[in-house]
Amino acid sequence: FIGVQVNHPHLDAEFATTAEYTVRQSVKALMAGLALVGITGMYLRQ
């Protein structure tokens, strides 16, 4: 979540066609999935 924000370019249609955009979006999706697993474990723990 922190790493993907580093040097993040401005979001626009031109940037959306680049490989960097695809990589960043894939990382964000992975982050959301991992966070969901993480908070589920936190809740079940307590």
All heavy atoms as atom14 arrays in JSON, in Angstrom:
{
  "sequence": "FIGVQVNHPHLDAEFATTAEYTVRQSVKALMAGLALVGITGMYLRQ",
  "atom14_mask": [
    [1, 1, 1, 1, 1, 1, 1, 1, 1, 1, 1, 0, 0, 0],
    [1, 1, 1, 1, 1, 1, 1, 1, 0, 0, 0, 0, 0, 0],
    [1, 1, 1, 1, 0, 0, 0, 0, 0, 0, 0, 0, 0, 0],
    [1, 1, 1, 1, 1, 1, 1, 0, 0, 0, 0, 0, 0, 0],
    [1, 1, 1, 1, 1, 1, 1, 1, 1, 0, 0, 0, 0, 0],
    [1, 1, 1, 1, 1, 1, 1, 0, 0, 0, 0, 0, 0, 0],
    [1, 1, 1, 1, 1, 1, 1, 1, 0, 0, 0, 0, 0, 0],
    [1, 1, 1, 1, 1, 1, 1, 1, 1, 1, 0, 0, 0, 0],
    [1, 1, 1, 1, 1, 1, 1, 0, 0, 0, 0, 0, 0, 0],
    [1, 1, 1, 1, 1, 1, 1, 1, 1, 1, 0, 0, 0, 0],
    [1, 1, 1, 1, 1, 1, 1, 1, 0, 0, 0, 0, 0, 0],
    [1, 1, 1, 1, 1, 1, 1, 1, 0, 0, 0, 0, 0, 0],
    [1, 1, 1, 1, 1, 0, 0, 0, 0, 0, 0, 0, 0, 0],
    [1, 1, 1, 1, 1, 1, 1, 1, 1, 0, 0, 0, 0, 0],
    [1, 1, 1, 1, 1, 1, 1, 1, 1, 1, 1, 0, 0, 0],
    [1, 1, 1, 1, 1, 0, 0, 0, 0, 0, 0, 0, 0, 0],
    [1, 1, 1, 1, 1, 1, 1, 0, 0, 0, 0, 0, 0, 0],
    [1, 1, 1, 1, 1, 1, 1, 0, 0, 0, 0, 0, 0, 0],
    [1, 1, 1, 1, 1, 0, 0, 0, 0, 0, 0, 0, 0, 0],
    [1, 1, 1, 1, 1, 1, 1, 1, 1, 0, 0, 0, 0, 0],
    [1, 1, 1, 1, 1, 1, 1, 1, 1, 1, 1, 1, 0, 0],
    [1, 1, 1, 1, 1, 1, 1, 0, 0, 0, 0, 0, 0, 0],
    [1, 1, 1, 1, 1, 1, 1, 0, 0, 0, 0, 0, 0, 0],
    [1, 1, 1, 1, 1, 1, 1, 1, 1, 1, 1, 0, 0, 0],
    [1, 1, 1, 1, 1, 1, 1, 1, 1, 0, 0, 0, 0, 0],
    [1, 1, 1, 1, 1, 1, 0, 0, 0, 0, 0, 0, 0, 0],
    [1, 1, 1, 1, 1, 1, 1, 0, 0, 0, 0, 0, 0, 0],
    [1, 1, 1, 1, 1, 1, 1, 1, 1, 0, 0, 0, 0, 0],
    [1, 1, 1, 1, 1, 0, 0, 0, 0, 0, 0, 0, 0, 0],
    [1, 1, 1, 1, 1, 1, 1, 1, 0, 0, 0, 0, 0, 0],
    [1, 1, 1, 1, 1, 1, 1, 1, 0, 0, 0, 0, 0, 0],
    [1, 1, 1, 1, 1, 0, 0, 0, 0, 0, 0, 0, 0, 0],
    [1, 1, 1, 1, 0, 0, 0, 0, 0, 0, 0, 0, 0, 0],
    [1, 1, 1, 1, 1, 1, 1, 1, 0, 0, 0, 0, 0, 0],
    [1, 1, 1, 1, 1, 0, 0, 0, 0, 0, 0, 0, 0, 0],
    [1, 1, 1, 1, 1, 1, 1, 1, 0, 0, 0, 0, 0, 0],
    [1, 1, 1, 1, 1, 1, 1, 0, 0, 0, 0, 0, 0, 0],
    [1, 1, 1, 1, 0, 0, 0, 0, 0, 0, 0, 0, 0, 0],
    [1, 1, 1, 1, 1, 1, 1, 1, 0, 0, 0, 0, 0, 0],
    [1, 1, 1, 1, 1, 1, 1, 0, 0, 0, 0, 0, 0, 0],
    [1, 1, 1, 1, 0, 0, 0, 0, 0, 0, 0, 0, 0, 0],
    [1, 1, 1, 1, 1, 1, 1, 1, 0, 0, 0, 0, 0, 0],
    [1, 1, 1, 1, 1, 1, 1, 1, 1, 1, 1, 1, 0, 0],
    [1, 1, 1, 1, 1, 1, 1, 1, 0, 0, 0, 0, 0, 0],
    [1, 1, 1, 1, 1, 1, 1, 1, 1, 1, 1, 0, 0, 0],
    [1, 1, 1, 1, 1, 1, 1, 1, 1, 0, 0, 0, 0, 0]
  ],
  "atom14_positions": [
    [[0.82, -1.2, 0.0], [0.0, 0.0, 0.0], [0.86, 1.26, 0.0], [0.55, 2.24, -0.67], [-0.93, -0.01, 1.21], [-2.02, 1.02, 1.16], [-2.78, 1.19, 0.02], [-2.3, 1.81, 2.26], [-3.8, 2.13, -0.03], [-3.31, 2.75, 2.23], [-4.07, 2.91, 1.07], [0.0, 0.0, 0.0], [0.0, 0.0, 0.0], [0.0, 0.0, 0.0]],
    [[1.96, 1.2, 0.73], [2.89, 2.34, 0.76], [3.73, 2.36, -0.51], [3.9, 3.41, -1.15], [3.8, 2.26, 2.0], [2.97, 2.41, 3.28], [4.88, 3.34, 1.95], [3.76, 2.2, 4.55], [0.0, 0.0, 0.0], [0.0, 0.0, 0.0], [0.0, 0.0, 0.0], [0.0, 0.0, 0.0], [0.0, 0.0, 0.0], [0.0, 0.0, 0.0]],
    [[4.27, 1.21, -0.87], [5.19, 1.14, -2.0], [4.58, 1.57, -3.31], [5.24, 2.22, -4.13], [0.0, 0.0, 0.0], [0.0, 0.0, 0.0], [0.0, 0.0, 0.0], [0.0, 0.0, 0.0], [0.0, 0.0, 0.0], [0.0, 0.0, 0.0], [0.0, 0.0, 0.0], [0.0, 0.0, 0.0], [0.0, 0.0, 0.0], [0.0, 0.0, 0.0]],
    [[3.31, 1.23, -3.54], [2.7, 1.54, -4.83], [2.45, 3.04, -5.0], [2.24, 3.52, -6.12], [1.37, 0.76, -4.98], [0.25, 1.42, -4.16], [0.97, 0.62, -6.44], [0.0, 0.0, 0.0], [0.0, 0.0, 0.0], [0.0, 0.0, 0.0], [0.0, 0.0, 0.0], [0.0, 0.0, 0.0], [0.0, 0.0, 0.0], [0.0, 0.0, 0.0]],
    [[2.5, 3.79, -3.89], [2.29, 5.24, -3.97], [3.57, 6.0, -4.35], [3.5, 7.17, -4.74], [1.79, 5.78, -2.63], [0.62, 5.03, -2.02], [-0.62, 5.03, -2.88], [-0.84, 5.94, -3.67], [-1.44, 4.0, -2.71], [0.0, 0.0, 0.0], [0.0, 0.0, 0.0], [0.0, 0.0, 0.0], [0.0, 0.0, 0.0], [0.0, 0.0, 0.0]],
    [[4.72, 5.35, -4.22], [5.99, 6.03, -4.46], [6.12, 6.43, -5.93], [5.99, 5.59, -6.83], [7.16, 5.12, -4.04], [8.5, 5.8, -4.36], [7.07, 4.79, -2.56], [0.0, 0.0, 0.0], [0.0, 0.0, 0.0], [0.0, 0.0, 0.0], [0.0, 0.0, 0.0], [0.0, 0.0, 0.0], [0.0, 0.0, 0.0], [0.0, 0.0, 0.0]],
    [[6.37, 7.72, -6.16], [6.55, 8.25, -7.52], [5.39, 7.89, -8.44], [5.58, 7.6, -9.63], [7.87, 7.76, -8.13], [9.08, 8.29, -7.4], [9.09, 9.42, -6.92], [10.12, 7.48, -7.32], [0.0, 0.0, 0.0], [0.0, 0.0, 0.0], [0.0, 0.0, 0.0], [0.0, 0.0, 0.0], [0.0, 0.0, 0.0], [0.0, 0.0, 0.0]],
    [[4.19, 7.87, -7.89], [3.01, 7.51, -8.69], [2.71, 8.62, -9.69], [2.47, 9.76, -9.3], [1.8, 7.29, -7.78], [0.72, 6.5, -8.43], [0.09, 6.89, -9.59], [0.15, 5.3, -8.09], [-0.83, 6.0, -9.93], [-0.82, 5.03, -9.03], [0.0, 0.0, 0.0], [0.0, 0.0, 0.0], [0.0, 0.0, 0.0], [0.0, 0.0, 0.0]],
    [[2.7, 8.31, -10.99], [2.39, 9.34, -11.99], [0.95, 9.82, -11.88], [0.1, 9.17, -11.25], [2.62, 8.6, -13.33], [3.46, 7.42, -12.98], [3.05, 7.03, -11.59], [0.0, 0.0, 0.0], [0.0, 0.0, 0.0], [0.0, 0.0, 0.0], [0.0, 0.0, 0.0], [0.0, 0.0, 0.0], [0.0, 0.0, 0.0], [0.0, 0.0, 0.0]],
    [[0.68, 10.92, -12.54], [-0.69, 11.45, -12.57], [-1.58, 10.49, -13.35], [-1.21, 9.98, -14.41], [-0.71, 12.82, -13.23], [-2.08, 13.39, -13.4], [-2.87, 13.77, -12.33], [-2.83, 13.62, -14.52], [-4.03, 14.22, -12.77], [-4.03, 14.14, -14.09], [0.0, 0.0, 0.0], [0.0, 0.0, 0.0], [0.0, 0.0, 0.0], [0.0, 0.0, 0.0]],
    [[-2.76, 10.22, -12.81], [-3.69, 9.31, -13.47], [-4.43, 10.01, -14.6], [-5.15, 10.99, -14.38], [-4.71, 8.77, -12.46], [-4.2, 7.72, -11.47], [-5.28, 7.42, -10.42], [-3.8, 6.44, -12.19], [0.0, 0.0, 0.0], [0.0, 0.0, 0.0], [0.0, 0.0, 0.0], [0.0, 0.0, 0.0], [0.0, 0.0, 0.0], [0.0, 0.0, 0.0]],
    [[-4.24, 9.53, -15.82], [-5.01, 10.01, -16.95], [-5.07, 8.9, -18.0], [-4.47, 7.83, -17.84], [-4.41, 11.3, -17.54], [-2.95, 11.16, -17.92], [-2.49, 10.03, -18.2], [-2.24, 12.17, -17.95], [0.0, 0.0, 0.0], [0.0, 0.0, 0.0], [0.0, 0.0, 0.0], [0.0, 0.0, 0.0], [0.0, 0.0, 0.0], [0.0, 0.0, 0.0]],
    [[-5.8, 9.15, -19.08], [-6.0, 8.13, -20.11], [-4.69, 7.72, -20.76], [-4.5, 6.56, -21.12], [-6.98, 8.65, -21.15], [0.0, 0.0, 0.0], [0.0, 0.0, 0.0], [0.0, 0.0, 0.0], [0.0, 0.0, 0.0], [0.0, 0.0, 0.0], [0.0, 0.0, 0.0], [0.0, 0.0, 0.0], [0.0, 0.0, 0.0], [0.0, 0.0, 0.0]],
    [[-3.79, 8.65, -20.93], [-2.5, 8.32, -21.55], [-1.7, 7.36, -20.68], [-1.13, 6.38, -21.17], [-1.7, 9.6, -21.8], [-0.37, 9.35, -22.5], [0.39, 10.63, -22.79], [-0.15, 11.72, -22.49], [1.52, 10.54, -23.3], [0.0, 0.0, 0.0], [0.0, 0.0, 0.0], [0.0, 0.0, 0.0], [0.0, 0.0, 0.0], [0.0, 0.0, 0.0]],
    [[-1.66, 7.63, -19.38], [-0.92, 6.76, -18.47], [-1.56, 5.37, -18.41], [-0.88, 4.36, -18.22], [-0.87, 7.38, -17.08], [-0.21, 6.52, -16.04], [1.09, 6.06, -16.22], [-0.89, 6.15, -14.89], [1.71, 5.25, -15.27], [-0.28, 5.35, -13.93], [1.01, 4.89, -14.12], [0.0, 0.0, 0.0], [0.0, 0.0, 0.0], [0.0, 0.0, 0.0]],
    [[-2.89, 5.3, -18.59], [-3.6, 4.02, -18.51], [-3.19, 3.05, -19.6], [-3.47, 1.84, -19.49], [-5.11, 4.26, -18.56], [0.0, 0.0, 0.0], [0.0, 0.0, 0.0], [0.0, 0.0, 0.0], [0.0, 0.0, 0.0], [0.0, 0.0, 0.0], [0.0, 0.0, 0.0], [0.0, 0.0, 0.0], [0.0, 0.0, 0.0], [0.0, 0.0, 0.0]],
    [[-2.53, 3.52, -20.64], [-2.13, 2.64, -21.74], [-0.71, 2.1, -21.55], [-0.22, 1.36, -22.41], [-2.19, 3.39, -23.09], [-1.26, 4.5, -23.07], [-3.59, 3.92, -23.34], [0.0, 0.0, 0.0], [0.0, 0.0, 0.0], [0.0, 0.0, 0.0], [0.0, 0.0, 0.0], [0.0, 0.0, 0.0], [0.0, 0.0, 0.0], [0.0, 0.0, 0.0]],
    [[-0.05, 2.44, -20.46], [1.33, 2.04, -20.26], [1.44, 0.76, -19.45], [0.52, 0.39, -18.71], [2.12, 3.16, -19.54], [1.59, 3.33, -18.21], [2.02, 4.48, -20.29], [0.0, 0.0, 0.0], [0.0, 0.0, 0.0], [0.0, 0.0, 0.0], [0.0, 0.0, 0.0], [0.0, 0.0, 0.0], [0.0, 0.0, 0.0], [0.0, 0.0, 0.0]],
    [[2.59, 0.12, -19.56], [2.85, -1.11, -18.79], [2.96, -0.79, -17.31], [2.55, -1.61, -16.47], [4.14, -1.77, -19.29], [0.0, 0.0, 0.0], [0.0, 0.0, 0.0], [0.0, 0.0, 0.0], [0.0, 0.0, 0.0], [0.0, 0.0, 0.0], [0.0, 0.0, 0.0], [0.0, 0.0, 0.0], [0.0, 0.0, 0.0], [0.0, 0.0, 0.0]],
    [[3.51, 0.38, -16.98], [3.64, 0.76, -15.57], [2.27, 0.83, -14.9], [2.1, 0.38, -13.75], [4.35, 2.1, -15.43], [4.51, 2.54, -13.98], [5.14, 3.92, -13.83], [5.57, 4.49, -14.85], [5.19, 4.42, -12.69], [0.0, 0.0, 0.0], [0.0, 0.0, 0.0], [0.0, 0.0, 0.0], [0.0, 0.0, 0.0], [0.0, 0.0, 0.0]],
    [[1.29, 1.36, -15.61], [-0.05, 1.44, -15.05], [-0.6, 0.05, -14.75], [-1.18, -0.19, -13.68], [-0.98, 2.16, -16.04], [-2.43, 2.12, -15.63], [-2.93, 2.99, -14.67], [-3.3, 1.18, -16.19], [-4.27, 2.94, -14.29], [-4.62, 1.12, -15.81], [-5.11, 2.01, -14.87], [-6.42, 1.93, -14.48], [0.0, 0.0, 0.0], [0.0, 0.0, 0.0]],
    [[-0.42, -0.87, -15.68], [-0.91, -2.24, -15.48], [-0.26, -2.88, -14.28], [-0.92, -3.56, -13.48], [-0.65, -3.08, -16.74], [-1.31, -2.49, -17.87], [-1.15, -4.51, -16.55], [0.0, 0.0, 0.0], [0.0, 0.0, 0.0], [0.0, 0.0, 0.0], [0.0, 0.0, 0.0], [0.0, 0.0, 0.0], [0.0, 0.0, 0.0], [0.0, 0.0, 0.0]],
    [[1.04, -2.67, -14.13], [1.76, -3.25, -12.99], [1.24, -2.66, -11.69], [0.97, -3.38, -10.72], [3.27, -3.0, -13.12], [4.0, -3.41, -11.83], [3.83, -3.79, -14.3], [0.0, 0.0, 0.0], [0.0, 0.0, 0.0], [0.0, 0.0, 0.0], [0.0, 0.0, 0.0], [0.0, 0.0, 0.0], [0.0, 0.0, 0.0], [0.0, 0.0, 0.0]],
    [[1.1, -1.34, -11.64], [0.62, -0.69, -10.41], [-0.8, -1.14, -10.07], [-1.11, -1.39, -8.9], [0.68, 0.83, -10.56], [2.09, 1.4, -10.5], [2.08, 2.92, -10.57], [3.42, 3.48, -10.54], [4.08, 3.8, -9.44], [3.51, 3.63, -8.25], [5.3, 4.31, -9.5], [0.0, 0.0, 0.0], [0.0, 0.0, 0.0], [0.0, 0.0, 0.0]],
    [[-1.66, -1.24, -11.06], [-3.03, -1.7, -10.8], [-3.04, -3.13, -10.29], [-3.82, -3.49, -9.4], [-3.87, -1.6, -12.07], [-4.27, -0.19, -12.44], [-5.09, 0.49, -11.36], [-4.68, 1.52, -10.81], [-6.24, -0.08, -11.04], [0.0, 0.0, 0.0], [0.0, 0.0, 0.0], [0.0, 0.0, 0.0], [0.0, 0.0, 0.0], [0.0, 0.0, 0.0]],
    [[-2.19, -3.98, -10.85], [-2.13, -5.37, -10.4], [-1.65, -5.45, -8.96], [-2.16, -6.26, -8.17], [-1.18, -6.16, -11.32], [-1.63, -6.15, -12.66], [0.0, 0.0, 0.0], [0.0, 0.0, 0.0], [0.0, 0.0, 0.0], [0.0, 0.0, 0.0], [0.0, 0.0, 0.0], [0.0, 0.0, 0.0], [0.0, 0.0, 0.0], [0.0, 0.0, 0.0]],
    [[-0.69, -4.61, -8.61], [-0.19, -4.58, -7.23], [-1.28, -4.1, -6.28], [-1.44, -4.62, -5.17], [1.06, -3.68, -7.13], [1.46, -3.47, -5.67], [2.22, -4.3, -7.89], [0.0, 0.0, 0.0], [0.0, 0.0, 0.0], [0.0, 0.0, 0.0], [0.0, 0.0, 0.0], [0.0, 0.0, 0.0], [0.0, 0.0, 0.0], [0.0, 0.0, 0.0]],
    [[-2.06, -3.11, -6.7], [-3.15, -2.6, -5.86], [-4.2, -3.68, -5.63], [-4.73, -3.82, -4.52], [-3.78, -1.37, -6.52], [-2.89, -0.15, -6.57], [-3.54, 0.98, -7.35], [-2.61, 2.16, -7.52], [-3.19, 3.25, -8.34], [0.0, 0.0, 0.0], [0.0, 0.0, 0.0], [0.0, 0.0, 0.0], [0.0, 0.0, 0.0], [0.0, 0.0, 0.0]],
    [[-4.52, -4.44, -6.67], [-5.49, -5.53, -6.51], [-4.95, -6.6, -5.56], [-5.68, -7.12, -4.71], [-5.81, -6.14, -7.88], [0.0, 0.0, 0.0], [0.0, 0.0, 0.0], [0.0, 0.0, 0.0], [0.0, 0.0, 0.0], [0.0, 0.0, 0.0], [0.0, 0.0, 0.0], [0.0, 0.0, 0.0], [0.0, 0.0, 0.0], [0.0, 0.0, 0.0]],
    [[-3.67, -6.94, -5.71], [-3.04, -7.9, -4.81], [-3.06, -7.39, -3.38], [-3.34, -8.15, -2.44], [-1.6, -8.16, -5.26], [-0.75, -9.06, -4.35], [-1.36, -10.45, -4.25], [0.68, -9.14, -4.87], [0.0, 0.0, 0.0], [0.0, 0.0, 0.0], [0.0, 0.0, 0.0], [0.0, 0.0, 0.0], [0.0, 0.0, 0.0], [0.0, 0.0, 0.0]],
    [[-2.77, -6.11, -3.21], [-2.78, -5.51, -1.88], [-4.16, -5.64, -1.22], [-4.27, -6.01, -0.05], [-2.39, -4.03, -1.98], [-2.41, -3.26, -0.68], [-4.06, -2.59, -0.24], [-4.36, -1.5, -1.63], [0.0, 0.0, 0.0], [0.0, 0.0, 0.0], [0.0, 0.0, 0.0], [0.0, 0.0, 0.0], [0.0, 0.0, 0.0], [0.0, 0.0, 0.0]],
    [[-5.21, -5.35, -1.99], [-6.56, -5.43, -1.44], [-6.91, -6.85, -1.03], [-7.52, -7.09, 0.02], [-7.57, -4.92, -2.47], [0.0, 0.0, 0.0], [0.0, 0.0, 0.0], [0.0, 0.0, 0.0], [0.0, 0.0, 0.0], [0.0, 0.0, 0.0], [0.0, 0.0, 0.0], [0.0, 0.0, 0.0], [0.0, 0.0, 0.0], [0.0, 0.0, 0.0]],
    [[-6.5, -7.83, -1.84], [-6.75, -9.22, -1.51], [-6.01, -9.67, -0.26], [-6.57, -10.33, 0.61], [0.0, 0.0, 0.0], [0.0, 0.0, 0.0], [0.0, 0.0, 0.0], [0.0, 0.0, 0.0], [0.0, 0.0, 0.0], [0.0, 0.0, 0.0], [0.0, 0.0, 0.0], [0.0, 0.0, 0.0], [0.0, 0.0, 0.0], [0.0, 0.0, 0.0]],
    [[-4.74, -9.29, -0.16], [-3.95, -9.63, 1.02], [-4.5, -8.96, 2.27], [-4.54, -9.57, 3.36], [-2.49, -9.22, 0.81], [-1.68, -10.04, -0.21], [-0.32, -9.39, -0.44], [-1.51, -11.48, 0.26], [0.0, 0.0, 0.0], [0.0, 0.0, 0.0], [0.0, 0.0, 0.0], [0.0, 0.0, 0.0], [0.0, 0.0, 0.0], [0.0, 0.0, 0.0]],
    [[-4.92, -7.71, 2.14], [-5.47, -6.99, 3.3], [-6.76, -7.65, 3.78], [-7.0, -7.74, 4.99], [-5.74, -5.53, 2.92], [0.0, 0.0, 0.0], [0.0, 0.0, 0.0], [0.0, 0.0, 0.0], [0.0, 0.0, 0.0], [0.0, 0.0, 0.0], [0.0, 0.0, 0.0], [0.0, 0.0, 0.0], [0.0, 0.0, 0.0], [0.0, 0.0, 0.0]],
    [[-7.57, -8.13, 2.85], [-8.81, -8.79, 3.24], [-8.53, -10.06, 4.04], [-9.18, -10.32, 5.06], [-9.63, -9.13, 2.0], [-11.01, -9.76, 2.23], [-11.87, -8.86, 3.1], [-11.69, -10.03, 0.89], [0.0, 0.0, 0.0], [0.0, 0.0, 0.0], [0.0, 0.0, 0.0], [0.0, 0.0, 0.0], [0.0, 0.0, 0.0], [0.0, 0.0, 0.0]],
    [[-7.53, -10.82, 3.59], [-7.11, -12.01, 4.35], [-6.59, -11.6, 5.72], [-6.91, -12.22, 6.74], [-6.03, -12.79, 3.58], [-5.48, -13.93, 4.43], [-6.6, -13.36, 2.28], [0.0, 0.0, 0.0], [0.0, 0.0, 0.0], [0.0, 0.0, 0.0], [0.0, 0.0, 0.0], [0.0, 0.0, 0.0], [0.0, 0.0, 0.0], [0.0, 0.0, 0.0]],
    [[-5.8, -10.53, 5.75], [-5.19, -10.07, 7.0], [-6.21, -9.63, 8.03], [-6.14, -10.03, 9.2], [0.0, 0.0, 0.0], [0.0, 0.0, 0.0], [0.0, 0.0, 0.0], [0.0, 0.0, 0.0], [0.0, 0.0, 0.0], [0.0, 0.0, 0.0], [0.0, 0.0, 0.0], [0.0, 0.0, 0.0], [0.0, 0.0, 0.0], [0.0, 0.0, 0.0]],
    [[-7.17, -8.79, 7.62], [-8.13, -8.29, 8.62], [-9.09, -9.4, 9.06], [-9.6, -9.36, 10.18], [-8.92, -7.08, 8.09], [-9.82, -7.46, 6.91], [-7.98, -5.95, 7.72], [-10.78, -6.35, 6.5], [0.0, 0.0, 0.0], [0.0, 0.0, 0.0], [0.0, 0.0, 0.0], [0.0, 0.0, 0.0], [0.0, 0.0, 0.0], [0.0, 0.0, 0.0]],
    [[-9.31, -10.4, 8.2], [-10.12, -11.54, 8.61], [-9.42, -12.31, 9.72], [-10.05, -12.7, 10.72], [-10.39, -12.47, 7.41], [-11.08, -11.75, 6.39], [-11.23, -13.67, 7.84], [0.0, 0.0, 0.0], [0.0, 0.0, 0.0], [0.0, 0.0, 0.0], [0.0, 0.0, 0.0], [0.0, 0.0, 0.0], [0.0, 0.0, 0.0], [0.0, 0.0, 0.0]],
    [[-8.11, -12.51, 9.56], [-7.34, -13.16, 10.62], [-7.33, -12.36, 11.9], [-7.43, -12.92, 13.0], [0.0, 0.0, 0.0], [0.0, 0.0, 0.0], [0.0, 0.0, 0.0], [0.0, 0.0, 0.0], [0.0, 0.0, 0.0], [0.0, 0.0, 0.0], [0.0, 0.0, 0.0], [0.0, 0.0, 0.0], [0.0, 0.0, 0.0], [0.0, 0.0, 0.0]],
    [[-7.24, -11.04, 11.79], [-7.26, -10.18, 12.99], [-8.58, -10.32, 13.73], [-8.6, -10.43, 14.97], [-7.07, -8.72, 12.58], [-5.72, -8.38, 12.02], [-5.69, -6.65, 11.47], [-4.31, -6.68, 10.33], [0.0, 0.0, 0.0], [0.0, 0.0, 0.0], [0.0, 0.0, 0.0], [0.0, 0.0, 0.0], [0.0, 0.0, 0.0], [0.0, 0.0, 0.0]],
    [[-9.67, -10.3, 12.98], [-10.98, -10.39, 13.64], [-11.16, -11.75, 14.31], [-11.61, -11.83, 15.46], [-12.1, -10.16, 12.62], [-13.47, -10.38, 13.23], [-13.97, -9.52, 14.2], [-14.24, -11.48, 12.85], [-15.2, -9.74, 14.78], [-15.47, -11.7, 13.42], [-15.96, -10.83, 14.39], [-17.18, -11.06, 14.97], [0.0, 0.0, 0.0], [0.0, 0.0, 0.0]],
    [[-10.83, -12.83, 13.61], [-11.01, -14.16, 14.18], [-10.1, -14.4, 15.38], [-10.45, -15.16, 16.28], [-10.73, -15.23, 13.1], [-11.73, -15.25, 11.94], [-11.31, -16.31, 10.92], [-13.15, -15.5, 12.44], [0.0, 0.0, 0.0], [0.0, 0.0, 0.0], [0.0, 0.0, 0.0], [0.0, 0.0, 0.0], [0.0, 0.0, 0.0], [0.0, 0.0, 0.0]],
    [[-8.96, -13.72, 15.42], [-8.04, -13.86, 16.54], [-8.63, -13.31, 17.83], [-8.31, -13.77, 18.92], [-6.72, -13.15, 16.22], [-5.7, -13.09, 17.34], [-5.14, -14.46, 17.66], [-4.14, -14.4, 18.7], [-4.4, -14.4, 20.0], [-5.66, -14.45, 20.43], [-3.42, -14.35, 20.88], [0.0, 0.0, 0.0], [0.0, 0.0, 0.0], [0.0, 0.0, 0.0]],
    [[-9.51, -12.32, 17.72], [-10.05, -11.66, 18.92], [-11.56, -11.47, 18.82], [-12.09, -10.45, 19.25], [-9.35, -10.32, 19.13], [-9.37, -9.43, 17.89], [-8.37, -8.31, 17.98], [-8.12, -7.75, 19.04], [-7.79, -7.96, 16.86], [0.0, 0.0, 0.0], [0.0, 0.0, 0.0], [0.0, 0.0, 0.0], [0.0, 0.0, 0.0], [0.0, 0.0, 0.0]]
  ]
}
